[in-house]
Amino acid sequence: MWYSKDFQCYHLLFVIVCMCVCVCVCVCVCVIPGLLYAIGGFDGVSPLKSMECYNPSTNQWSSLPDMSTKRFGLAACACDGE
C-alpha cells in the first residue's frame, strides 16, 4: 500500500500468489515479519480449525498444526514481531 499526497488516498497493490491449501471465507490473517498466517475460517459447510503459513520468498503455503477449536470470523495481531 502506498500513500499519495496528490490524491489524499491509499492505493492497494494486489499480487497473485500460489493457492492456499484450504479455500475458505471469514479467515483470520496475521503478518509476522516475513510470513502471513491464515487461521480458521469457514468452508461453506462448517467452521475450520486449520492454520496455514505463507512464505512470500518461496511463494509456498505450509499447513500448521490444527487448533483445538474450530473458529471463523476471529481476529489476531502481532505484538513485538510475535
Protein backbone atom coordinates (compact mmCIF):
# COMPACT_ATOMS: atom_id res chain seq x y z
CA MET A 1 0.00 0.00 0.00
CA TRP A 2 1.31 3.44 -0.75
CA TYR A 3 0.08 6.92 0.06
CA SER A 4 -0.24 9.70 -2.48
CA LYS A 5 -0.19 13.33 -1.28
CA ASP A 6 -1.66 14.43 -4.61
CA PHE A 7 -4.87 12.42 -4.21
CA GLN A 8 -5.01 12.12 -0.41
CA CYS A 9 -5.92 8.44 -0.66
CA TYR A 10 -4.44 4.99 -0.36
CA HIS A 11 -3.78 2.68 -3.31
CA LEU A 12 -3.67 -1.07 -2.80
CA LEU A 13 -1.34 -3.35 -4.72
CA PHE A 14 -2.62 -6.88 -5.22
CA VAL A 15 -0.26 -9.65 -6.25
CA ILE A 16 -1.30 -13.14 -7.31
CA VAL A 17 0.34 -15.82 -5.18
CA CYS A 18 0.04 -19.59 -5.06
CA MET A 19 -3.25 -21.06 -3.85
CA CYS A 20 -3.52 -21.87 -0.16
CA VAL A 21 -4.23 -25.43 0.96
CA CYS A 22 -7.73 -24.69 2.29
CA VAL A 23 -10.17 -22.46 0.37
CA CYS A 24 -12.48 -20.64 2.77
CA VAL A 25 -14.06 -17.33 3.84
CA CYS A 26 -14.10 -15.44 7.16
CA VAL A 27 -10.47 -16.45 7.66
CA CYS A 28 -8.24 -14.52 10.04
CA VAL A 29 -4.91 -13.34 8.65
CA CYS A 30 -1.93 -12.00 10.54
CA VAL A 31 1.52 -10.97 9.37
CA ILE A 32 4.54 -11.72 11.50
CA PRO A 33 7.73 -10.40 9.87
CA GLY A 34 8.20 -12.20 6.59
CA LEU A 35 5.27 -14.63 6.92
CA LEU A 36 1.48 -14.46 6.54
CA TYR A 37 -0.67 -16.72 8.72
CA ALA A 38 -4.22 -17.82 7.77
CA ILE A 39 -6.17 -19.01 10.81
CA GLY A 40 -9.53 -20.80 10.88
CA GLY A 41 -12.31 -19.73 8.52
CA PHE A 42 -15.49 -21.19 7.08
CA ASP A 43 -15.56 -23.61 4.13
CA GLY A 44 -19.25 -23.12 3.31
CA VAL A 45 -20.32 -26.05 5.50
CA SER A 46 -18.62 -25.62 8.87
CA PRO A 47 -16.01 -23.58 10.75
CA LEU A 48 -12.38 -24.69 10.40
CA LYS A 49 -9.63 -25.39 12.92
CA SER A 50 -6.85 -25.34 10.33
CA MET A 51 -3.90 -22.95 10.21
CA GLU A 52 -1.57 -22.22 7.29
CA CYS A 53 1.53 -20.12 6.78
CA TYR A 54 2.51 -18.34 3.52
CA ASN A 55 6.17 -17.59 2.83
CA PRO A 56 6.45 -14.94 0.08
CA SER A 57 10.13 -15.66 -0.51
CA THR A 58 9.30 -19.22 -1.62
CA ASN A 59 5.70 -18.49 -2.80
CA GLN A 60 4.50 -21.55 -0.84
CA TRP A 61 1.88 -22.32 1.79
CA SER A 62 2.58 -24.72 4.65
CA SER A 63 -0.01 -26.45 6.83
CA LEU A 64 0.41 -25.90 10.56
CA PRO A 65 -0.99 -27.98 13.44
CA ASP A 66 -4.77 -27.60 13.81
CA MET A 67 -6.26 -25.50 16.59
CA SER A 68 -8.18 -27.41 19.27
CA THR A 69 -11.39 -25.48 18.44
CA LYS A 70 -12.99 -24.61 15.09
CA ARG A 71 -13.16 -20.83 14.55
CA PHE A 72 -14.24 -18.28 11.96
CA GLY A 73 -14.63 -14.50 11.94
CA LEU A 74 -11.88 -14.12 14.52
CA ALA A 75 -9.09 -11.55 14.83
CA ALA A 76 -5.37 -11.79 15.54
CA CYS A 77 -2.45 -9.39 15.75
CA ALA A 78 1.30 -9.47 16.06
CA CYS A 79 2.95 -7.86 19.06
CA ASP A 80 6.68 -7.13 19.00
CA GLY A 81 7.11 -9.44 16.00
CA GLU A 82 5.47 -12.44 17.69
